Amino acid sequence: MDDTAHVPLIADDMKLQQATCCHRKVTRLKLIGICFICTLTILFITKACITRRWPDRTCKFPSTNYLVNDNRKRRLPQSIIIGVKKAGTGALRHFLDLHPDVITASKEPNFFSFRYENGFDWYNKLMPLSREGQITVEKSSNNFHHEQAPGRTFEFNSTIKLIVVVREPVERAISDYTQRVINNRSRRKFEDSVFNFRTGEINREYICIRPSLYHTNLQRWLKYFPMSQIHIVDGENLKSNPYEEVYKVEEFLGLSHQVKREQFVFNATKGFFCFRTSSMVECLRDNKGRQHILIDPELKDRLKRYFRPLNELFFRQIGQRFDWS
């Protein structure tokens, strides 16, 4: 006789039902947890893109071509925005991104000025993936006033197209100084750095003055490149009428006119133009268009008098004139 105790089948069914029920609860909890994590991830990415904490190309998917293999690869730039810093170079880069045949590097390499020793492989890795026929543009605003950048750029590509954004030189210098103070890179007063106390003359080598010496800096580039390969952008007009300046850049780069006037949307709160993409209106970072540090009016007048004849040399050099009075 078999002494083994037998549990009724109904007990087995109950255990099976309990186990199944528990498994369903665990599975449901896992599913809820996964959905919660995915939702948080999407919200985080969306916020990072909206606040522009991530590079534009991480957040921007203008077409379904971005999601498929369309033979995209990293290409060295065919055009460089070489300066001038604090004149509107960042705004121009973002505006050019509106054109479907232009793709811009989100990081500022400053390769031909300060990082040339890193080599071209390093430089190429900073370039975005582009399709055949797209123009790759990068912005390196320190190149313009760097002594060795013109020669290095010429050796890289003697036919490259160069873009220079300029604005009234004294206001540009003050904007440059303001950024340095905010970033804790300068503790000296503006006037203490601008003037040579021994001679009383303007310190042309001061980091905030040197980029504003447009005639001197451009002359170095003209030793290697003809003026036909250099396009000058009016930084003041870029701020007030971006469509007009982007239209001129499209012509300079040999592009069809794809950027529309209605894509530029003025933001009264920020005081400058934002731009409309396929999905939303985007604005430049909050540090764009900020208030400058107040400078003594007499000092500003003295600087403007100093730059006036230099501006005239620059106007004759480029064959156009700006209202910097």
Foldseek 3Di string as FASTA:
>chain_A
DDPDDDDDVVVVVVVVVVVVVVVVVVVVVVVVVVVVVVVVVVVVLVVCQQLVVDFVVVPDDQDCVVVDPQPWDQDQALEEAQDAPQLCQVVLQVLLCQDPQEDEQRDACLCLADNVVVDPVVVSVSWDTDHPRHGYYYYHNNLLLGLRSLVVVCVVPLLGAYEYEDEQLLVSLLLVVQVCVVVVNDDDDPVVQQADVVVRDGDCPRPSNVSSLNLVSVVSNCVRHPLLRYHYAHSVCCFVPVLVRSVVVCVSVVHDNDRDSVQWDADVVLGGTWGHGPPGTGDDHSSPSDDGDDDPPVVSVVVSVVCVVSQVSVCVVNVHHDPND
